[in-house]
Structures are given as structure tokens and as C-alpha cells.
Amino acid sequence: VNAKWDKAGNVTWTLNKNGSIDRGLLQINSSWVTVVSQICKSPRGDMEVLFDLDCNLRVARYLLGDGSGLTNWGF
């Protein structure tokens, strides 16, 4: 995770200038919350599922195959 939270659960710091958060092995961005929910069959907004390796890799595979390729990771 590239962010820190306060005791109330509010993000206090993130590497991303737009305030989004990256999670899991392949650092999936929180802007993909709908895709994560659909692929990992999780409640919308639950980005914790990206700490599950299988979920993280399935979302990454989707992102690589969506036509954008590695541009989703800034390449």
C-alpha cells in the first residue's frame, strides 16, 4: 500500500498526486474499484481484496488485456 491512514481511517498521505491508493503485489490503483468488485466478486469499495494474490493477478490480467497494456502502470 502506498498510503497511510489516521486512527479514524482517513488517508493522510499517498504517493499519488490525485489522492488515489495503490494496493497489492502489482499495485492496482483504487480508481479500478468497479473492476476489482466485478472480477473478485467483492463488495464495491472493498480494495482490501487486492491483498489476495489471486484477485490481484486476475485484475492485473484484465488491465493488461483491456487495450491499454502497461500504460495502466504508467509505462
PDB file of N, CA and C in Angstrom:
ATOM      1  N   VAL A   1       0.850  -1.175   0.000  1.00  0.00           N
ATOM      2  CA  VAL A   1       0.000   0.000   0.000  1.00  0.00           C
ATOM      3  C   VAL A   1       0.892   1.233   0.000  1.00  0.00           C
ATOM      4  N   ASN A   2       0.554   2.170  -0.824  1.00  0.00           N
ATOM      5  CA  ASN A   2       1.365   3.390  -0.893  1.00  0.00           C
ATOM      6  C   ASN A   2       0.677   4.545  -0.175  1.00  0.00           C
ATOM      7  N   ALA A   3       0.067   4.257   0.969  1.00  0.00           N
ATOM      8  CA  ALA A   3      -0.658   5.300   1.695  1.00  0.00           C
ATOM      9  C   ALA A   3      -0.570   5.053   3.196  1.00  0.00           C
ATOM     10  N   LYS A   4      -0.911   6.098   3.958  1.00  0.00           N
ATOM     11  CA  LYS A   4      -1.003   5.992   5.414  1.00  0.00           C
ATOM     12  C   LYS A   4      -2.364   6.534   5.839  1.00  0.00           C
ATOM     13  N   TRP A   5      -2.890   5.992   6.922  1.00  0.00           N
ATOM     14  CA  TRP A   5      -4.184   6.398   7.447  1.00  0.00           C
ATOM     15  C   TRP A   5      -4.049   6.881   8.873  1.00  0.00           C
ATOM     16  N   ASP A   6      -4.996   7.740   9.286  1.00  0.00           N
ATOM     17  CA  ASP A   6      -5.038   8.142  10.688  1.00  0.00           C
ATOM     18  C   ASP A   6      -5.916   7.146  11.449  1.00  0.00           C
ATOM     19  N   LYS A   7      -6.087   7.353  12.747  1.00  0.00           N
ATOM     20  CA  LYS A   7      -6.850   6.411  13.566  1.00  0.00           C
ATOM     21  C   LYS A   7      -8.317   6.332  13.169  1.00  0.00           C
ATOM     22  N   ALA A   8      -8.824   7.366  12.516  1.00  0.00           N
ATOM     23  CA  ALA A   8     -10.220   7.381  12.077  1.00  0.00           C
ATOM     24  C   ALA A   8     -10.406   6.719  10.713  1.00  0.00           C
ATOM     25  N   GLY A   9      -9.319   6.275  10.106  1.00  0.00           N
ATOM     26  CA  GLY A   9      -9.412   5.608   8.815  1.00  0.00           C
ATOM     27  C   GLY A   9      -9.319   6.535   7.616  1.00  0.00           C
ATOM     28  N   ASN A  10      -8.930   7.773   7.832  1.00  0.00           N
ATOM     29  CA  ASN A  10      -8.789   8.732   6.740  1.00  0.00           C
ATOM     30  C   ASN A  10      -7.376   8.673   6.172  1.00  0.00           C
ATOM     31  N   VAL A  11      -7.272   8.739   4.852  1.00  0.00           N
ATOM     32  CA  VAL A  11      -5.962   8.742   4.208  1.00  0.00           C
ATOM     33  C   VAL A  11      -5.272  10.056   4.547  1.00  0.00           C
ATOM     34  N   THR A  12      -4.066   9.956   5.077  1.00  0.00           N
ATOM     35  CA  THR A  12      -3.310  11.155   5.439  1.00  0.00           C
ATOM     36  C   THR A  12      -2.137  11.402   4.495  1.00  0.00           C
ATOM     37  N   TRP A  13      -1.779  10.365   3.708  1.00  0.00           N
ATOM     38  CA  TRP A  13      -0.643  10.503   2.808  1.00  0.00           C
ATOM     39  C   TRP A  13      -0.725   9.424   1.734  1.00  0.00           C
ATOM     40  N   THR A  14      -0.400   9.774   0.498  1.00  0.00           N
ATOM     41  CA  THR A  14      -0.313   8.807  -0.593  1.00  0.00           C
ATOM     42  C   THR A  14       0.716   9.305  -1.597  1.00  0.00           C
ATOM     43  N   LEU A  15       1.360   8.390  -2.279  1.00  0.00           N
ATOM     44  CA  LEU A  15       2.332   8.760  -3.310  1.00  0.00           C
ATOM     45  C   LEU A  15       1.669   9.384  -4.539  1.00  0.00           C
ATOM     46  N   ASN A  16       0.404   9.036  -4.774  1.00  0.00           N
ATOM     47  CA  ASN A  16      -0.280   9.517  -5.974  1.00  0.00           C
ATOM     48  C   ASN A  16      -0.782  10.945  -5.795  1.00  0.00           C
ATOM     49  N   LYS A  17      -0.464  11.789  -6.749  1.00  0.00           N
ATOM     50  CA  LYS A  17      -0.846  13.207  -6.671  1.00  0.00           C
ATOM     51  C   LYS A  17      -2.350  13.409  -6.645  1.00  0.00           C
ATOM     52  N   ASN A  18      -3.103  12.463  -7.249  1.00  0.00           N
ATOM     53  CA  ASN A  18      -4.560  12.616  -7.304  1.00  0.00           C
ATOM     54  C   ASN A  18      -5.254  12.049  -6.067  1.00  0.00           C
ATOM     55  N   GLY A  19      -4.479  11.564  -5.086  1.00  0.00           N
ATOM     56  CA  GLY A  19      -5.056  11.059  -3.850  1.00  0.00           C
ATOM     57  C   GLY A  19      -5.478   9.604  -3.900  1.00  0.00           C
ATOM     58  N   SER A  20      -5.323   8.952  -5.041  1.00  0.00           N
ATOM     59  CA  SER A  20      -5.690   7.539  -5.143  1.00  0.00           C
ATOM     60  C   SER A  20      -4.658   6.677  -4.430  1.00  0.00           C
ATOM     61  N   ILE A  21      -5.008   5.419  -4.216  1.00  0.00           N
ATOM     62  CA  ILE A  21      -4.170   4.490  -3.466  1.00  0.00           C
ATOM     63  C   ILE A  21      -3.884   3.267  -4.331  1.00  0.00           C
ATOM     64  N   ASP A  22      -2.680   2.732  -4.235  1.00  0.00           N
ATOM     65  CA  ASP A  22      -2.308   1.512  -4.940  1.00  0.00           C
ATOM     66  C   ASP A  22      -2.196   0.390  -3.919  1.00  0.00           C
ATOM     67  N   ARG A  23      -2.701  -0.809  -4.298  1.00  0.00           N
ATOM     68  CA  ARG A  23      -2.716  -1.918  -3.348  1.00  0.00           C
ATOM     69  C   ARG A  23      -2.261  -3.218  -3.977  1.00  0.00           C
ATOM     70  N   GLY A  24      -1.666  -4.050  -3.158  1.00  0.00           N
ATOM     71  CA  GLY A  24      -1.321  -5.402  -3.554  1.00  0.00           C
ATOM     72  C   GLY A  24      -0.013  -5.515  -4.312  1.00  0.00           C
ATOM     73  N   LEU A  25       0.340  -6.751  -4.644  1.00  0.00           N
ATOM     74  CA  LEU A  25       1.607  -7.065  -5.289  1.00  0.00           C
ATOM     75  C   LEU A  25       1.850  -6.229  -6.542  1.00  0.00           C
ATOM     76  N   LEU A  26       0.844  -6.096  -7.387  1.00  0.00           N
ATOM     77  CA  LEU A  26       1.010  -5.358  -8.639  1.00  0.00           C
ATOM     78  C   LEU A  26       0.484  -3.930  -8.562  1.00  0.00           C
ATOM     79  N   GLN A  27       0.249  -3.451  -7.335  1.00  0.00           N
ATOM     80  CA  GLN A  27      -0.117  -2.057  -7.089  1.00  0.00           C
ATOM     81  C   GLN A  27      -1.282  -1.584  -7.956  1.00  0.00           C
ATOM     82  N   ILE A  28      -2.414  -2.266  -7.826  1.00  0.00           N
ATOM     83  CA  ILE A  28      -3.634  -1.901  -8.547  1.00  0.00           C
ATOM     84  C   ILE A  28      -4.180  -0.622  -7.917  1.00  0.00           C
ATOM     85  N   ASN A  29      -4.495   0.351  -8.763  1.00  0.00           N
ATOM     86  CA  ASN A  29      -4.948   1.660  -8.301  1.00  0.00           C
ATOM     87  C   ASN A  29      -6.410   1.627  -7.883  1.00  0.00           C
ATOM     88  N   SER A  30      -6.742   2.425  -6.874  1.00  0.00           N
ATOM     89  CA  SER A  30      -8.110   2.477  -6.357  1.00  0.00           C
ATOM     90  C   SER A  30      -9.112   3.014  -7.367  1.00  0.00           C
ATOM     91  N   SER A  31      -8.651   3.616  -8.447  1.00  0.00           N
ATOM     92  CA  SER A  31      -9.579   4.077  -9.494  1.00  0.00           C
ATOM     93  C   SER A  31     -10.264   2.902 -10.192  1.00  0.00           C
ATOM     94  N   TRP A  32      -9.745   1.696 -10.013  1.00  0.00           N
ATOM     95  CA  TRP A  32     -10.310   0.492 -10.627  1.00  0.00           C
ATOM     96  C   TRP A  32     -11.277  -0.219  -9.690  1.00  0.00           C
ATOM     97  N   VAL A  33     -11.857   0.482  -8.742  1.00  0.00           N
ATOM     98  CA  VAL A  33     -12.706  -0.125  -7.717  1.00  0.00           C
ATOM     99  C   VAL A  33     -13.855  -0.935  -8.319  1.00  0.00           C
ATOM    100  N   THR A  34     -14.475  -0.478  -9.385  1.00  0.00           N
ATOM    101  CA  THR A  34     -15.582  -1.212 -10.002  1.00  0.00           C
ATOM    102  C   THR A  34     -15.091  -2.497 -10.635  1.00  0.00           C
ATOM    103  N   VAL A  35     -13.963  -2.435 -11.330  1.00  0.00           N
ATOM    104  CA  VAL A  35     -13.374  -3.620 -11.955  1.00  0.00           C
ATOM    105  C   VAL A  35     -12.997  -4.638 -10.883  1.00  0.00           C
ATOM    106  N   VAL A  36     -12.375  -4.171  -9.807  1.00  0.00           N
ATOM    107  CA  VAL A  36     -11.986  -5.065  -8.711  1.00  0.00           C
ATOM    108  C   VAL A  36     -13.215  -5.763  -8.146  1.00  0.00           C
ATOM    109  N   SER A  37     -14.268  -5.017  -7.932  1.00  0.00           N
ATOM    110  CA  SER A  37     -15.509  -5.580  -7.393  1.00  0.00           C
ATOM    111  C   SER A  37     -16.070  -6.656  -8.310  1.00  0.00           C
ATOM    112  N   GLN A  38     -16.073  -6.407  -9.607  1.00  0.00           N
ATOM    113  CA  GLN A  38     -16.623  -7.371 -10.568  1.00  0.00           C
ATOM    114  C   GLN A  38     -15.743  -8.612 -10.690  1.00  0.00           C
ATOM    115  N   ILE A  39     -14.455  -8.430 -10.830  1.00  0.00           N
ATOM    116  CA  ILE A  39     -13.547  -9.549 -11.051  1.00  0.00           C
ATOM    117  C   ILE A  39     -13.388 -10.406  -9.804  1.00  0.00           C
ATOM    118  N   CYS A  40     -13.284  -9.777  -8.657  1.00  0.00           N
ATOM    119  CA  CYS A  40     -13.032 -10.509  -7.412  1.00  0.00           C
ATOM    120  C   CYS A  40     -14.316 -10.813  -6.650  1.00  0.00           C
ATOM    121  N   LYS A  41     -15.457 -10.404  -7.225  1.00  0.00           N
ATOM    122  CA  LYS A  41     -16.766 -10.640  -6.613  1.00  0.00           C
ATOM    123  C   LYS A  41     -16.784 -10.187  -5.155  1.00  0.00           C
ATOM    124  N   SER A  42     -16.374  -8.947  -4.967  1.00  0.00           N
ATOM    125  CA  SER A  42     -16.315  -8.358  -3.627  1.00  0.00           C
ATOM    126  C   SER A  42     -17.271  -7.175  -3.564  1.00  0.00           C
ATOM    127  N   PRO A  43     -17.626  -6.747  -2.364  1.00  0.00           N
ATOM    128  CA  PRO A  43     -18.477  -5.559  -2.244  1.00  0.00           C
ATOM    129  C   PRO A  43     -17.779  -4.346  -2.854  1.00  0.00           C
ATOM    130  N   ARG A  44     -18.546  -3.496  -3.528  1.00  0.00           N
ATOM    131  CA  ARG A  44     -17.971  -2.296  -4.133  1.00  0.00           C
ATOM    132  C   ARG A  44     -17.287  -1.460  -3.057  1.00  0.00           C
ATOM    133  N   GLY A  45     -16.079  -1.039  -3.353  1.00  0.00           N
ATOM    134  CA  GLY A  45     -15.316  -0.233  -2.415  1.00  0.00           C
ATOM    135  C   GLY A  45     -14.331  -1.036  -1.579  1.00  0.00           C
ATOM    136  N   ASP A  46     -14.445  -2.374  -1.615  1.00  0.00           N
ATOM    137  CA  ASP A  46     -13.532  -3.211  -0.833  1.00  0.00           C
ATOM    138  C   ASP A  46     -12.248  -3.439  -1.613  1.00  0.00           C
ATOM    139  N   MET A  47     -11.252  -2.599  -1.370  1.00  0.00           N
ATOM    140  CA  MET A  47      -9.967  -2.736  -2.049  1.00  0.00           C
ATOM    141  C   MET A  47      -9.026  -3.649  -1.273  1.00  0.00           C
ATOM    142  N   GLU A  48      -9.438  -4.077  -0.083  1.00  0.00           N
ATOM    143  CA  GLU A  48      -8.627  -4.999   0.710  1.00  0.00           C
ATOM    144  C   GLU A  48      -8.437  -6.324  -0.016  1.00  0.00           C
ATOM    145  N   VAL A  49      -9.388  -6.690  -0.892  1.00  0.00           N
ATOM    146  CA  VAL A  49      -9.289  -7.964  -1.607  1.00  0.00           C
ATOM    147  C   VAL A  49      -8.057  -8.018  -2.498  1.00  0.00           C
ATOM    148  N   LEU A  50      -7.473  -6.855  -2.801  1.00  0.00           N
ATOM    149  CA  LEU A  50      -6.275  -6.839  -3.639  1.00  0.00           C
ATOM    150  C   LEU A  50      -5.049  -7.387  -2.917  1.00  0.00           C
ATOM    151  N   PHE A  51      -5.152  -7.612  -1.609  1.00  0.00           N
ATOM    152  CA  PHE A  51      -4.062  -8.262  -0.886  1.00  0.00           C
ATOM    153  C   PHE A  51      -4.100  -9.775  -1.092  1.00  0.00           C
ATOM    154  N   ASP A  52      -5.199 -10.276  -1.679  1.00  0.00           N
ATOM    155  CA  ASP A  52      -5.288 -11.675  -2.068  1.00  0.00           C
ATOM    156  C   ASP A  52      -4.587 -11.814  -3.421  1.00  0.00           C
ATOM    157  N   LEU A  53      -3.565 -12.645  -3.490  1.00  0.00           N
ATOM    158  CA  LEU A  53      -2.742 -12.751  -4.691  1.00  0.00           C
ATOM    159  C   LEU A  53      -3.566 -13.124  -5.917  1.00  0.00           C
ATOM    160  N   ASP A  54      -4.480 -14.069  -5.785  1.00  0.00           N
ATOM    161  CA  ASP A  54      -5.290 -14.494  -6.919  1.00  0.00           C
ATOM    162  C   ASP A  54      -6.116 -13.332  -7.473  1.00  0.00           C
ATOM    163  N   CYS A  55      -6.756 -12.594  -6.600  1.00  0.00           N
ATOM    164  CA  CYS A  55      -7.548 -11.434  -7.012  1.00  0.00           C
ATOM    165  C   CYS A  55      -6.660 -10.397  -7.690  1.00  0.00           C
ATOM    166  N   ASN A  56      -5.522 -10.092  -7.074  1.00  0.00           N
ATOM    167  CA  ASN A  56      -4.607  -9.087  -7.612  1.00  0.00           C
ATOM    168  C   ASN A  56      -4.143  -9.462  -9.018  1.00  0.00           C
ATOM    169  N   LEU A  57      -3.794 -10.718  -9.217  1.00  0.00           N
ATOM    170  CA  LEU A  57      -3.321 -11.164 -10.531  1.00  0.00           C
ATOM    171  C   LEU A  57      -4.439 -11.182 -11.568  1.00  0.00           C
ATOM    172  N   ARG A  58      -5.651 -11.545 -11.169  1.00  0.00           N
ATOM    173  CA  ARG A  58      -6.780 -11.534 -12.118  1.00  0.00           C
ATOM    174  C   ARG A  58      -7.099 -10.116 -12.569  1.00  0.00           C
ATOM    175  N   VAL A  59      -7.066  -9.155 -11.658  1.00  0.00           N
ATOM    176  CA  VAL A  59      -7.312  -7.756 -12.033  1.00  0.00           C
ATOM    177  C   VAL A  59      -6.189  -7.259 -12.946  1.00  0.00           C
ATOM    178  N   ALA A  60      -4.953  -7.581 -12.623  1.00  0.00           N
ATOM    179  CA  ALA A  60      -3.828  -7.166 -13.462  1.00  0.00           C
ATOM    180  C   ALA A  60      -3.954  -7.756 -14.866  1.00  0.00           C
ATOM    181  N   ARG A  61      -4.351  -9.012 -14.956  1.00  0.00           N
ATOM    182  CA  ARG A  61      -4.542  -9.643 -16.273  1.00  0.00           C
ATOM    183  C   ARG A  61      -5.617  -8.900 -17.069  1.00  0.00           C
ATOM    184  N   TYR A  62      -6.697  -8.535 -16.398  1.00  0.00           N
ATOM    185  CA  TYR A  62      -7.747  -7.760 -17.065  1.00  0.00           C
ATOM    186  C   TYR A  62      -7.188  -6.428 -17.577  1.00  0.00           C
ATOM    187  N   LEU A  63      -6.445  -5.735 -16.722  1.00  0.00           N
ATOM    188  CA  LEU A  63      -5.912  -4.426 -17.102  1.00  0.00           C
ATOM    189  C   LEU A  63      -4.921  -4.531 -18.260  1.00  0.00           C
ATOM    190  N   LEU A  64      -4.117  -5.574 -18.280  1.00  0.00           N
ATOM    191  CA  LEU A  64      -3.172  -5.759 -19.391  1.00  0.00           C
ATOM    192  C   LEU A  64      -3.904  -6.046 -20.688  1.00  0.00           C
ATOM    193  N   GLY A  65      -5.043  -6.708 -20.595  1.00  0.00           N
ATOM    194  CA  GLY A  65      -5.777  -7.095 -21.794  1.00  0.00           C
ATOM    195  C   GLY A  65      -6.853  -6.122 -22.228  1.00  0.00           C
ATOM    196  N   ASP A  66      -7.009  -5.006 -21.554  1.00  0.00           N
ATOM    197  CA  ASP A  66      -8.097  -4.075 -21.882  1.00  0.00           C
ATOM    198  C   ASP A  66      -7.765  -3.119 -23.018  1.00  0.00           C
ATOM    199  N   GLY A  67      -6.606  -3.300 -23.630  1.00  0.00           N
ATOM    200  CA  GLY A  67      -6.203  -2.426 -24.730  1.00  0.00           C
ATOM    201  C   GLY A  67      -5.219  -1.357 -24.308  1.00  0.00           C
ATOM    202  N   SER A  68      -5.105  -1.110 -23.028  1.00  0.00           N
ATOM    203  CA  SER A  68      -4.178  -0.090 -22.539  1.00  0.00           C
ATOM    204  C   SER A  68      -2.800  -0.658 -22.219  1.00  0.00           C
ATOM    205  N   GLY A  69      -2.757  -1.961 -22.000  1.00  0.00           N
ATOM    206  CA  GLY A  69      -1.487  -2.613 -21.693  1.00  0.00           C
ATOM    207  C   GLY A  69      -0.823  -2.029 -20.470  1.00  0.00           C
ATOM    208  N   LEU A  70       0.456  -1.836 -20.536  1.00  0.00           N
ATOM    209  CA  LEU A  70       1.215  -1.341 -19.386  1.00  0.00           C
ATOM    210  C   LEU A  70       1.007   0.137 -19.095  1.00  0.00           C
ATOM    211  N   THR A  71       0.264   0.844 -19.939  1.00  0.00           N
ATOM    212  CA  THR A  71       0.013   2.258 -19.642  1.00  0.00           C
ATOM    213  C   THR A  71      -0.755   2.426 -18.339  1.00  0.00           C
ATOM    214  N   ASN A  72      -1.495   1.374 -17.929  1.00  0.00           N
ATOM    215  CA  ASN A  72      -2.197   1.428 -16.634  1.00  0.00           C
ATOM    216  C   ASN A  72      -1.214   1.537 -15.482  1.00  0.00           C
ATOM    217  N   TRP A  73       0.045   1.159 -15.703  1.00  0.00           N
ATOM    218  CA  TRP A  73       1.082   1.259 -14.676  1.00  0.00           C
ATOM    219  C   TRP A  73       2.032   2.413 -14.958  1.00  0.00           C
ATOM    220  N   GLY A  74       1.679   3.267 -15.907  1.00  0.00           N
ATOM    221  CA  GLY A  74       2.494   4.440 -16.209  1.00  0.00           C
ATOM    222  C   GLY A  74       3.649   4.179 -17.156  1.00  0.00           C
ATOM    223  N   PHE A  75       3.617   3.040 -17.862  1.00  0.00           N
ATOM    224  CA  PHE A  75       4.673   2.747 -18.834  1.00  0.00           C
ATOM    225  C   PHE A  75       4.224   3.116 -20.226  1.00  0.00           C
TER     226      PHE A  75
END
